């Protein structure tokens, strides 16, 4: 737990009014005595697509862009990229 985070004890549950006509109210009546809540800082994640390109010569490499044509870094052959 992070420093400065306050923890409060669970409060006793108040009694629910009786509503025997719906399943939802029956379910709420059988829930646990309390809920534990914790706070944490929200982060940000950046996603990138990565493409694996594979030449006929057997060389494979990764690229962040999907170009229409590529030159193989191994054999130097210009090739059309197909999905």
Protein backbone atom coordinates (compact mmCIF):
# COMPACT_ATOMS: atom_id res chain seq x y z
CA UNK A 1 0.00 0.00 0.00
CA UNK A 2 1.32 3.47 -0.83
CA UNK A 3 2.33 5.86 1.94
CA UNK A 4 -0.41 8.35 2.69
CA UNK A 5 -3.22 5.96 1.74
CA UNK A 6 -5.84 5.89 4.44
CA UNK A 7 -7.45 2.62 5.43
CA UNK A 8 -10.82 2.74 7.09
CA UNK A 9 -12.43 -0.20 8.86
CA UNK A 10 -15.51 -1.69 7.26
CA UNK A 11 -18.75 -0.30 8.59
CA UNK A 12 -21.49 -2.59 9.86
CA UNK A 13 -24.11 -3.24 7.22
CA UNK A 14 -27.47 -1.53 7.51
CA UNK A 15 -30.43 -3.86 7.32
CA UNK A 16 -32.15 -3.92 3.94
CA UNK A 17 -35.90 -3.51 3.61
CA UNK A 18 -37.53 -6.82 2.85
CA UNK A 19 -38.57 -7.17 -0.79
CA UNK A 20 -39.33 -10.85 -1.29
CA UNK A 21 -40.85 -10.22 -4.73
CA UNK A 22 -37.59 -9.90 -6.74
CA UNK A 23 -34.50 -12.07 -7.03
CA UNK A 24 -32.28 -8.97 -6.99
CA UNK A 25 -33.34 -8.01 -3.51
CA UNK A 26 -32.85 -11.60 -2.30
CA UNK A 27 -29.33 -11.55 -3.78
CA UNK A 28 -28.49 -8.23 -2.10
CA UNK A 29 -29.61 -9.61 1.23
CA UNK A 30 -27.01 -12.41 1.00
CA UNK A 31 -24.01 -10.25 -0.02
CA UNK A 32 -20.91 -10.07 2.20
CA UNK A 33 -20.77 -7.68 5.14
CA UNK A 34 -18.47 -5.11 3.45
CA UNK A 35 -16.41 -4.19 0.44
CA UNK A 36 -12.69 -3.53 0.59
CA UNK A 37 -11.61 -0.54 -1.51
CA UNK A 38 -8.05 0.40 -2.44
CA UNK A 39 -6.74 3.40 -4.37
CA UNK A 40 -3.85 3.43 -6.78
CA UNK A 41 -2.45 5.81 -9.36
CA UNK A 42 -3.64 5.30 -12.93
CA UNK A 43 -0.91 4.93 -15.56
CA UNK A 44 -0.90 5.31 -19.34
CA UNK A 45 0.19 2.61 -21.80
CA UNK A 46 1.05 3.27 -25.44
CA UNK A 47 0.33 0.50 -27.94
CA UNK A 48 2.19 -0.02 -31.20
CA UNK A 49 1.65 -2.51 -33.98
CA UNK A 50 4.71 -4.45 -35.05
CA UNK A 51 4.84 -6.30 -38.36
CA UNK A 52 6.99 -9.36 -39.00
CA UNK A 53 8.22 -9.33 -42.58
CA UNK A 54 9.62 -12.49 -44.17
CA UNK A 55 11.60 -12.56 -47.43
CA UNK A 56 11.73 -15.49 -49.87
CA UNK A 57 15.46 -15.86 -49.05
CA UNK A 58 14.50 -16.86 -45.49
CA UNK A 59 15.41 -13.63 -43.70
CA UNK A 60 12.77 -12.27 -41.31
CA UNK A 61 12.68 -8.86 -39.63
CA UNK A 62 10.28 -6.59 -37.77
CA UNK A 63 9.03 -3.15 -38.76
CA UNK A 64 6.62 -0.69 -37.16
CA UNK A 65 5.30 0.41 -40.57
CA UNK A 66 3.63 -1.72 -43.22
CA UNK A 67 5.12 -0.43 -46.48
CA UNK A 68 3.89 -1.49 -49.93
CA UNK A 69 7.42 -2.40 -51.09
CA UNK A 70 10.49 -3.42 -49.06
CA UNK A 71 14.10 -4.19 -49.73
CA UNK A 72 15.35 -7.27 -47.91
CA UNK A 73 18.24 -6.39 -45.56
CA UNK A 74 19.91 -9.73 -46.36
CA UNK A 75 19.63 -10.32 -50.12
CA UNK A 76 18.73 -6.78 -51.23
CA UNK A 77 15.75 -7.94 -53.31
CA UNK A 78 12.89 -5.45 -53.77
CA UNK A 79 9.62 -7.17 -52.91
CA UNK A 80 5.90 -6.38 -52.81
CA UNK A 81 4.43 -6.71 -49.30
CA UNK A 82 1.24 -8.75 -49.17
CA UNK A 83 -0.96 -9.32 -46.13
